[in-house]
C-alpha atoms as a PDB file:
ATOM      1  CA  MET A   1     113.362 111.740  99.414  1.00  0.00           C
ATOM      2  CA  ASN A   2     112.523 108.344 100.674  1.00  0.00           C
ATOM      3  CA  LEU A   3     109.792 107.047  98.195  1.00  0.00           C
ATOM      4  CA  GLY A   4     108.386 104.798 100.902  1.00  0.00           C
ATOM      5  CA  LYS A   5     106.883 107.760 102.482  1.00  0.00           C
ATOM      6  CA  LEU A   6     104.687 108.278  99.599  1.00  0.00           C
ATOM      7  CA  ASN A   7     102.765 105.089 100.335  1.00  0.00           C
ATOM      8  CA  GLU A   8     102.953 105.332 104.074  1.00  0.00           C
ATOM      9  CA  LYS A   9      99.956 105.863 106.110  1.00  0.00           C
ATOM     10  CA  CYS A  10      99.688 109.190 108.188  1.00  0.00           C
ATOM     11  CA  PRO A  11     100.228 108.441 111.856  1.00  0.00           C
ATOM     12  CA  GLU A  12      97.820 111.049 112.863  1.00  0.00           C
ATOM     13  CA  CYS A  13      94.752 110.290 110.735  1.00  0.00           C
ATOM     14  CA  GLY A  14      95.598 107.089 108.553  1.00  0.00           C
ATOM     15  CA  SER A  15      95.212 108.714 105.239  1.00  0.00           C
ATOM     16  CA  LYS A  16      97.516 107.905 102.421  1.00  0.00           C
ATOM     17  CA  ASP A  17      96.756 111.118 100.543  1.00  0.00           C
ATOM     18  CA  LYS A  18      99.694 113.533 100.521  1.00  0.00           C
ATOM     19  CA  THR A  19     100.627 116.906  99.069  1.00  0.00           C
ATOM     20  CA  LEU A  20     104.133 117.277  97.596  1.00  0.00           C
ATOM     21  CA  LYS A  21     105.514 120.682  97.290  1.00  0.00           C
ATOM     22  CA  ARG A  22     108.669 121.227  95.061  1.00  0.00           C
ATOM     23  CA  ARG A  23     110.892 124.193  94.111  1.00  0.00           C
ATOM     24  CA  LEU A  24     111.854 124.078  90.489  1.00  0.00           C
ATOM     25  CA  ASP A  25     115.480 124.926  89.450  1.00  0.00           C
ATOM     26  CA  SER A  26     115.606 128.429  87.939  1.00  0.00           C
ATOM     27  CA  GLN A  27     117.875 127.304  85.147  1.00  0.00           C
ATOM     28  CA  HIS A  28     116.546 123.889  84.300  1.00  0.00           C
ATOM     29  CA  HIS A  29     112.867 123.900  84.934  1.00  0.00           C
ATOM     30  CA  ALA A  30     112.595 120.176  84.676  1.00  0.00           C
ATOM     31  CA  PHE A  31     114.476 119.609  87.803  1.00  0.00           C
ATOM     32  CA  GLY A  32     113.010 120.243  91.215  1.00  0.00           C
ATOM     33  CA  LYS A  33     113.850 119.894  94.844  1.00  0.00           C
ATOM     34  CA  THR A  34     111.178 118.480  97.250  1.00  0.00           C
ATOM     35  CA  GLN A  35     110.282 121.178  99.830  1.00  0.00           C
ATOM     36  CA  SER A  36     107.800 119.394 101.810  1.00  0.00           C
ATOM     37  CA  LEU A  37     105.501 116.279 101.865  1.00  0.00           C
ATOM     38  CA  THR A  38     102.361 116.747 104.026  1.00  0.00           C
ATOM     39  CA  CYS A  39      99.162 114.785 104.659  1.00  0.00           C
ATOM     40  CA  SER A  40      96.458 116.022 102.549  1.00  0.00           C
ATOM     41  CA  ASN A  41      93.850 115.393 105.215  1.00  0.00           C
ATOM     42  CA  CYS A  42      95.201 116.646 108.500  1.00  0.00           C
ATOM     43  CA  GLY A  43      98.463 118.411 107.508  1.00  0.00           C
ATOM     44  CA  TYR A  44     100.878 116.101 109.295  1.00  0.00           C
ATOM     45  CA  VAL A  45     104.447 116.868 108.043  1.00  0.00           C
ATOM     46  CA  PHE A  46     106.411 113.794 106.629  1.00  0.00           C
ATOM     47  CA  LYS A  47     109.318 115.891 105.287  1.00  0.00           C
ATOM     48  CA  SER A  48     110.061 119.633 105.394  1.00  0.00           C
ATOM     49  CA  PRO A  49     113.010 121.843 104.205  1.00  0.00           C
ATOM     50  CA  GLU A  50     114.274 121.889 107.836  1.00  0.00           C
ATOM     51  CA  ASP A  51     114.974 118.136 107.573  1.00  0.00           C
ATOM     52  CA  LYS A  52     118.048 118.882 105.524  1.00  0.00           C
ATOM     53  CA  LYS A  53     119.406 121.263 108.247  1.00  0.00           C
ATOM     54  CA  ARG A  54     119.512 118.527 110.974  1.00  0.00           C
ATOM     55  CA  PRO A  55     122.842 116.642 111.344  1.00  0.00           C
ATOM     56  CA  VAL A  56     122.576 112.929 110.432  1.00  0.00           C
ATOM     57  CA  THR A  57     123.585 110.622 113.504  1.00  0.00           C
ATOM     58  CA  HIS A  58     124.094 106.988 113.461  1.00  0.00           C
END
């Protein structure tokens, strides 16, 4: 995950408060994968699990 998004203002409402949802590894509970990063105020999605499925183009 791009850590810059944690400090980024929401383009919809301007809030900097975010909710980070993670899925913990079933074997090593200390490790987790980021599932989604959303604005806590309006719900704007900065990152979702679907982001990994999109091909990277340059």
